[in-house]
Amino acid sequence: MMRGDNAMMPERNDPHAAPQGPSEGQPHVPARGPRSPLEGRQSPGTLRAGEIAAARQRASEAQQRAMGDLRDSIDYLRVSVKALVHDLEATRREKAALERQLRDLRGW
């Protein structure tokens, strides 16, 4: 090359220089896709964060289902206790009525 041509070319160490093609004597290598199935995927740290987020989402959904089931069980228990209390009160009334009948028959 001529000295005048070098003056127009940026130096190789110049950080502001535009990227150049392959150096003289080196063959041009075309860009390729990923070389392996894992290449081009997210980094392990990003995958781990995604896995953590997905696990938290699943745990949150499971917790919400469990809370819903618990509410349903408490509602069922509340209705059952009300029914038992109603039956107990009816049984007490029946007992009192039968005791009165028995006293009337015996004459006490």
N, C-alpha and C. Protein backbone atom coordinates (compact mmCIF):
# COMPACT_ATOMS: atom_id res chain seq x y z
N MET A 1 0.84 -1.18 0.00
CA MET A 1 0.00 0.00 0.00
C MET A 1 0.88 1.24 0.00
N MET A 2 0.29 2.26 -0.46
CA MET A 2 1.03 3.51 -0.52
C MET A 2 0.85 4.25 0.79
N ARG A 3 1.80 5.09 1.11
CA ARG A 3 1.75 5.85 2.35
C ARG A 3 0.51 6.74 2.43
N GLY A 4 0.08 7.31 1.37
CA GLY A 4 -1.09 8.17 1.34
C GLY A 4 -2.37 7.40 1.65
N ASP A 5 -2.42 6.13 1.22
CA ASP A 5 -3.60 5.32 1.49
C ASP A 5 -3.72 5.00 2.98
N ASN A 6 -2.59 4.83 3.65
CA ASN A 6 -2.61 4.51 5.08
C ASN A 6 -3.13 5.68 5.90
N ALA A 7 -2.94 6.88 5.43
CA ALA A 7 -3.38 8.04 6.18
C ALA A 7 -4.91 8.07 6.26
N MET A 8 -5.59 7.53 5.27
CA MET A 8 -7.05 7.53 5.25
C MET A 8 -7.63 6.39 6.09
N MET A 9 -6.87 5.34 6.32
CA MET A 9 -7.35 4.16 7.04
C MET A 9 -7.23 4.39 8.55
N PRO A 10 -8.23 4.03 9.32
CA PRO A 10 -8.10 4.16 10.77
C PRO A 10 -7.11 3.14 11.29
N GLU A 11 -6.48 3.48 12.40
CA GLU A 11 -5.53 2.54 13.00
C GLU A 11 -6.31 1.38 13.60
N ARG A 12 -5.66 0.22 13.71
CA ARG A 12 -6.33 -0.97 14.24
C ARG A 12 -6.69 -0.81 15.72
N ASN A 13 -5.93 -0.07 16.47
CA ASN A 13 -6.19 0.09 17.90
C ASN A 13 -7.14 1.23 18.19
N ASP A 14 -7.60 1.92 17.17
CA ASP A 14 -8.48 3.05 17.36
C ASP A 14 -9.86 2.54 17.79
N PRO A 15 -10.34 2.88 19.02
CA PRO A 15 -11.62 2.36 19.49
C PRO A 15 -12.80 2.95 18.72
N HIS A 16 -12.61 4.05 18.03
CA HIS A 16 -13.69 4.69 17.29
C HIS A 16 -13.72 4.24 15.84
N ALA A 17 -12.82 3.38 15.47
CA ALA A 17 -12.74 2.94 14.09
C ALA A 17 -13.92 2.04 13.75
N ALA A 18 -14.41 2.12 12.55
CA ALA A 18 -15.49 1.26 12.08
C ALA A 18 -14.96 -0.15 11.94
N PRO A 19 -15.79 -1.14 12.21
CA PRO A 19 -15.32 -2.53 12.08
C PRO A 19 -14.96 -2.82 10.63
N GLN A 20 -13.89 -3.54 10.48
CA GLN A 20 -13.40 -3.90 9.14
C GLN A 20 -13.74 -5.35 8.86
N GLY A 21 -13.71 -5.71 7.64
CA GLY A 21 -13.94 -7.09 7.22
C GLY A 21 -12.77 -7.96 7.64
N PRO A 22 -12.69 -9.16 7.14
CA PRO A 22 -11.59 -10.05 7.51
C PRO A 22 -10.26 -9.46 7.07
N SER A 23 -9.24 -9.75 7.86
CA SER A 23 -7.90 -9.26 7.54
C SER A 23 -7.42 -9.90 6.26
N GLU A 24 -6.46 -9.27 5.69
CA GLU A 24 -5.90 -9.82 4.46
C GLU A 24 -5.31 -11.20 4.74
N GLY A 25 -5.58 -12.12 3.88
CA GLY A 25 -5.04 -13.47 4.03
C GLY A 25 -5.96 -14.38 4.83
N GLN A 26 -6.97 -13.84 5.51
CA GLN A 26 -7.91 -14.68 6.28
C GLN A 26 -9.18 -14.85 5.46
N PRO A 27 -9.70 -16.06 5.40
CA PRO A 27 -10.93 -16.28 4.63
C PRO A 27 -12.13 -15.67 5.36
N HIS A 28 -13.10 -15.29 4.61
CA HIS A 28 -14.34 -14.76 5.18
C HIS A 28 -15.17 -15.93 5.69
N VAL A 29 -15.58 -15.86 6.94
CA VAL A 29 -16.41 -16.91 7.55
C VAL A 29 -17.82 -16.36 7.66
N PRO A 30 -18.77 -16.97 6.97
CA PRO A 30 -20.14 -16.47 7.05
C PRO A 30 -20.72 -16.68 8.43
N ALA A 31 -21.63 -15.80 8.83
CA ALA A 31 -22.29 -15.93 10.13
C ALA A 31 -23.16 -17.19 10.12
N ARG A 32 -23.16 -17.90 11.25
CA ARG A 32 -23.95 -19.12 11.35
C ARG A 32 -24.95 -18.98 12.49
N GLY A 33 -25.85 -19.90 12.51
CA GLY A 33 -26.80 -19.97 13.61
C GLY A 33 -26.12 -20.60 14.81
N PRO A 34 -26.87 -20.95 15.83
CA PRO A 34 -26.30 -21.57 17.02
C PRO A 34 -25.55 -22.85 16.66
N ARG A 35 -24.41 -23.05 17.32
CA ARG A 35 -23.60 -24.25 17.06
C ARG A 35 -24.10 -25.44 17.86
N SER A 36 -24.82 -25.20 18.94
CA SER A 36 -25.36 -26.30 19.73
C SER A 36 -26.79 -25.95 20.11
N PRO A 37 -27.55 -26.93 20.58
CA PRO A 37 -28.94 -26.64 20.95
C PRO A 37 -29.04 -25.62 22.08
N LEU A 38 -28.03 -25.54 22.93
CA LEU A 38 -28.08 -24.61 24.06
C LEU A 38 -27.61 -23.22 23.70
N GLU A 39 -26.86 -23.10 22.62
CA GLU A 39 -26.33 -21.80 22.24
C GLU A 39 -27.47 -20.92 21.76
N GLY A 40 -27.43 -19.70 22.14
CA GLY A 40 -28.48 -18.77 21.76
C GLY A 40 -29.62 -18.73 22.76
N ARG A 41 -29.58 -19.61 23.74
CA ARG A 41 -30.60 -19.60 24.78
C ARG A 41 -30.20 -18.62 25.87
N GLN A 42 -31.07 -18.48 26.84
CA GLN A 42 -30.79 -17.58 27.95
C GLN A 42 -29.64 -18.13 28.77
N SER A 43 -28.99 -17.22 29.47
CA SER A 43 -27.88 -17.64 30.32
C SER A 43 -28.42 -18.45 31.50
N PRO A 44 -27.57 -19.26 32.13
CA PRO A 44 -28.02 -20.08 33.27
C PRO A 44 -28.64 -19.24 34.38
N GLY A 45 -28.09 -18.06 34.62
CA GLY A 45 -28.66 -17.20 35.65
C GLY A 45 -30.06 -16.75 35.30
N THR A 46 -30.27 -16.43 34.05
CA THR A 46 -31.60 -16.02 33.59
C THR A 46 -32.56 -17.19 33.64
N LEU A 47 -32.08 -18.37 33.22
CA LEU A 47 -32.93 -19.56 33.29
C LEU A 47 -33.30 -19.83 34.74
N ARG A 48 -32.35 -19.72 35.63
CA ARG A 48 -32.59 -19.97 37.04
C ARG A 48 -33.63 -18.99 37.57
N ALA A 49 -33.51 -17.72 37.20
CA ALA A 49 -34.47 -16.72 37.65
C ALA A 49 -35.85 -17.05 37.09
N GLY A 50 -35.90 -17.49 35.84
CA GLY A 50 -37.18 -17.87 35.24
C GLY A 50 -37.78 -19.08 35.94
N GLU A 51 -36.93 -20.03 36.28
CA GLU A 51 -37.41 -21.22 36.99
C GLU A 51 -37.94 -20.83 38.36
N ILE A 52 -37.25 -19.92 39.03
CA ILE A 52 -37.68 -19.46 40.35
C ILE A 52 -39.02 -18.75 40.23
N ALA A 53 -39.15 -17.89 39.23
CA ALA A 53 -40.41 -17.17 39.03
C ALA A 53 -41.55 -18.15 38.74
N ALA A 54 -41.29 -19.15 37.90
CA ALA A 54 -42.32 -20.13 37.58
C ALA A 54 -42.69 -20.94 38.82
N ALA A 55 -41.69 -21.31 39.61
CA ALA A 55 -41.96 -22.07 40.83
C ALA A 55 -42.78 -21.24 41.81
N ARG A 56 -42.45 -19.95 41.92
CA ARG A 56 -43.22 -19.07 42.80
C ARG A 56 -44.66 -18.96 42.32
N GLN A 57 -44.85 -18.86 41.02
CA GLN A 57 -46.19 -18.77 40.45
C GLN A 57 -46.98 -20.04 40.77
N ARG A 58 -46.33 -21.21 40.58
CA ARG A 58 -47.01 -22.47 40.88
C ARG A 58 -47.34 -22.56 42.37
N ALA A 59 -46.41 -22.13 43.22
CA ALA A 59 -46.64 -22.18 44.66
C ALA A 59 -47.78 -21.24 45.05
N SER A 60 -47.81 -20.07 44.43
CA SER A 60 -48.88 -19.11 44.71
C SER A 60 -50.24 -19.68 44.30
N GLU A 61 -50.28 -20.30 43.13
CA GLU A 61 -51.53 -20.90 42.67
C GLU A 61 -51.96 -22.04 43.59
N ALA A 62 -50.99 -22.86 44.02
CA ALA A 62 -51.29 -23.96 44.93
C ALA A 62 -51.81 -23.42 46.26
N GLN A 63 -51.19 -22.33 46.73
CA GLN A 63 -51.62 -21.73 47.99
C GLN A 63 -53.03 -21.17 47.86
N GLN A 64 -53.33 -20.54 46.73
CA GLN A 64 -54.68 -20.01 46.52
C GLN A 64 -55.71 -21.14 46.47
N ARG A 65 -55.35 -22.25 45.81
CA ARG A 65 -56.26 -23.40 45.78
C ARG A 65 -56.47 -23.95 47.19
N ALA A 66 -55.38 -24.05 47.95
CA ALA A 66 -55.47 -24.56 49.32
C ALA A 66 -56.34 -23.64 50.19
N MET A 67 -56.17 -22.33 50.01
CA MET A 67 -56.99 -21.39 50.78
C MET A 67 -58.46 -21.51 50.40
N GLY A 68 -58.74 -21.68 49.12
CA GLY A 68 -60.12 -21.88 48.68
C GLY A 68 -60.70 -23.15 49.26
N ASP A 69 -59.91 -24.22 49.24
CA ASP A 69 -60.37 -25.49 49.82
C ASP A 69 -60.61 -25.34 51.32
N LEU A 70 -59.73 -24.59 51.99
CA LEU A 70 -59.88 -24.37 53.43
C LEU A 70 -61.15 -23.58 53.72
N ARG A 71 -61.41 -22.53 52.91
CA ARG A 71 -62.64 -21.75 53.09
C ARG A 71 -63.87 -22.65 52.89
N ASP A 72 -63.83 -23.49 51.85
CA ASP A 72 -64.95 -24.40 51.61
C ASP A 72 -65.14 -25.35 52.79
N SER A 73 -64.05 -25.87 53.33
CA SER A 73 -64.14 -26.79 54.48
C SER A 73 -64.69 -26.08 55.70
N ILE A 74 -64.26 -24.85 55.92
CA ILE A 74 -64.76 -24.09 57.08
C ILE A 74 -66.25 -23.81 56.91
N ASP A 75 -66.67 -23.45 55.69
CA ASP A 75 -68.09 -23.22 55.44
C ASP A 75 -68.90 -24.49 55.70
N TYR A 76 -68.40 -25.63 55.23
CA TYR A 76 -69.08 -26.90 55.45
C TYR A 76 -69.15 -27.21 56.94
N LEU A 77 -68.05 -26.97 57.65
CA LEU A 77 -68.01 -27.22 59.09
C LEU A 77 -69.02 -26.32 59.81
N ARG A 78 -69.10 -25.05 59.40
CA ARG A 78 -70.03 -24.11 60.02
C ARG A 78 -71.48 -24.60 59.85
N VAL A 79 -71.83 -25.02 58.65
CA VAL A 79 -73.19 -25.52 58.39
C VAL A 79 -73.44 -26.80 59.19
N SER A 80 -72.44 -27.67 59.26
CA SER A 80 -72.59 -28.92 60.01
C SER A 80 -72.80 -28.65 61.49
N VAL A 81 -72.04 -27.71 62.05
CA VAL A 81 -72.18 -27.38 63.47
C VAL A 81 -73.56 -26.78 63.74
N LYS A 82 -74.02 -25.92 62.83
CA LYS A 82 -75.36 -25.34 63.00
C LYS A 82 -76.43 -26.44 63.00
N ALA A 83 -76.29 -27.40 62.10
CA ALA A 83 -77.24 -28.51 62.05
C ALA A 83 -77.19 -29.33 63.34
N LEU A 84 -75.99 -29.59 63.83
CA LEU A 84 -75.86 -30.36 65.08
C LEU A 84 -76.45 -29.61 66.26
N VAL A 85 -76.23 -28.29 66.33
CA VAL A 85 -76.79 -27.49 67.42
C VAL A 85 -78.32 -27.51 67.33
N HIS A 86 -78.83 -27.40 66.12
CA HIS A 86 -80.29 -27.45 65.93
C HIS A 86 -80.83 -28.80 66.40
N ASP A 87 -80.18 -29.88 66.03
CA ASP A 87 -80.61 -31.22 66.46
C ASP A 87 -80.51 -31.36 67.97
N LEU A 88 -79.46 -30.83 68.58
CA LEU A 88 -79.30 -30.91 70.03
C LEU A 88 -80.42 -30.17 70.74
N GLU A 89 -80.76 -28.97 70.26
CA GLU A 89 -81.84 -28.19 70.87
C GLU A 89 -83.17 -28.94 70.72
N ALA A 90 -83.40 -29.53 69.56
CA ALA A 90 -84.64 -30.29 69.36
C ALA A 90 -84.68 -31.50 70.29
N THR A 91 -83.54 -32.16 70.46
CA THR A 91 -83.47 -33.33 71.35
C THR A 91 -83.75 -32.92 72.79
N ARG A 92 -83.23 -31.78 73.22
CA ARG A 92 -83.50 -31.29 74.58
C ARG A 92 -84.98 -30.98 74.77
N ARG A 93 -85.58 -30.34 73.74
CA ARG A 93 -87.01 -30.05 73.84
C ARG A 93 -87.82 -31.35 73.92
N GLU A 94 -87.46 -32.33 73.09
CA GLU A 94 -88.18 -33.62 73.12
C GLU A 94 -88.01 -34.31 74.47
N LYS A 95 -86.83 -34.25 75.02
CA LYS A 95 -86.56 -34.88 76.33
C LYS A 95 -87.42 -34.22 77.41
N ALA A 96 -87.43 -32.89 77.38
CA ALA A 96 -88.23 -32.17 78.39
C ALA A 96 -89.71 -32.52 78.25
N ALA A 97 -90.18 -32.61 77.00
CA ALA A 97 -91.59 -32.96 76.78
C ALA A 97 -91.88 -34.38 77.25
N LEU A 98 -91.00 -35.32 76.98
CA LEU A 98 -91.19 -36.71 77.42
C LEU A 98 -91.13 -36.83 78.93
N GLU A 99 -90.25 -36.06 79.58
CA GLU A 99 -90.18 -36.09 81.05
C GLU A 99 -91.48 -35.56 81.65
N ARG A 100 -92.08 -34.52 81.03
CA ARG A 100 -93.35 -34.00 81.53
C ARG A 100 -94.45 -35.05 81.38
N GLN A 101 -94.48 -35.72 80.22
CA GLN A 101 -95.49 -36.76 80.01
C GLN A 101 -95.33 -37.89 81.03
N LEU A 102 -94.08 -38.27 81.30
CA LEU A 102 -93.82 -39.34 82.25
C LEU A 102 -94.27 -38.94 83.66
N ARG A 103 -94.00 -37.69 84.04
CA ARG A 103 -94.42 -37.23 85.34
C ARG A 103 -95.95 -37.20 85.45
N ASP A 104 -96.59 -36.77 84.37
CA ASP A 104 -98.06 -36.73 84.38
C ASP A 104 -98.64 -38.14 84.49
N LEU A 105 -98.03 -39.12 83.85
CA LEU A 105 -98.53 -40.49 83.93
C LEU A 105 -98.30 -41.08 85.32
N ARG A 106 -97.20 -40.79 85.94
CA ARG A 106 -96.89 -41.34 87.25
C ARG A 106 -97.56 -40.54 88.35
N GLY A 107 -97.93 -39.34 88.05
CA GLY A 107 -98.61 -38.51 89.03
C GLY A 107 -97.66 -37.81 89.98
N TRP A 108 -96.48 -37.52 89.63
CA TRP A 108 -95.55 -36.83 90.53
C TRP A 108 -95.83 -35.40 90.57
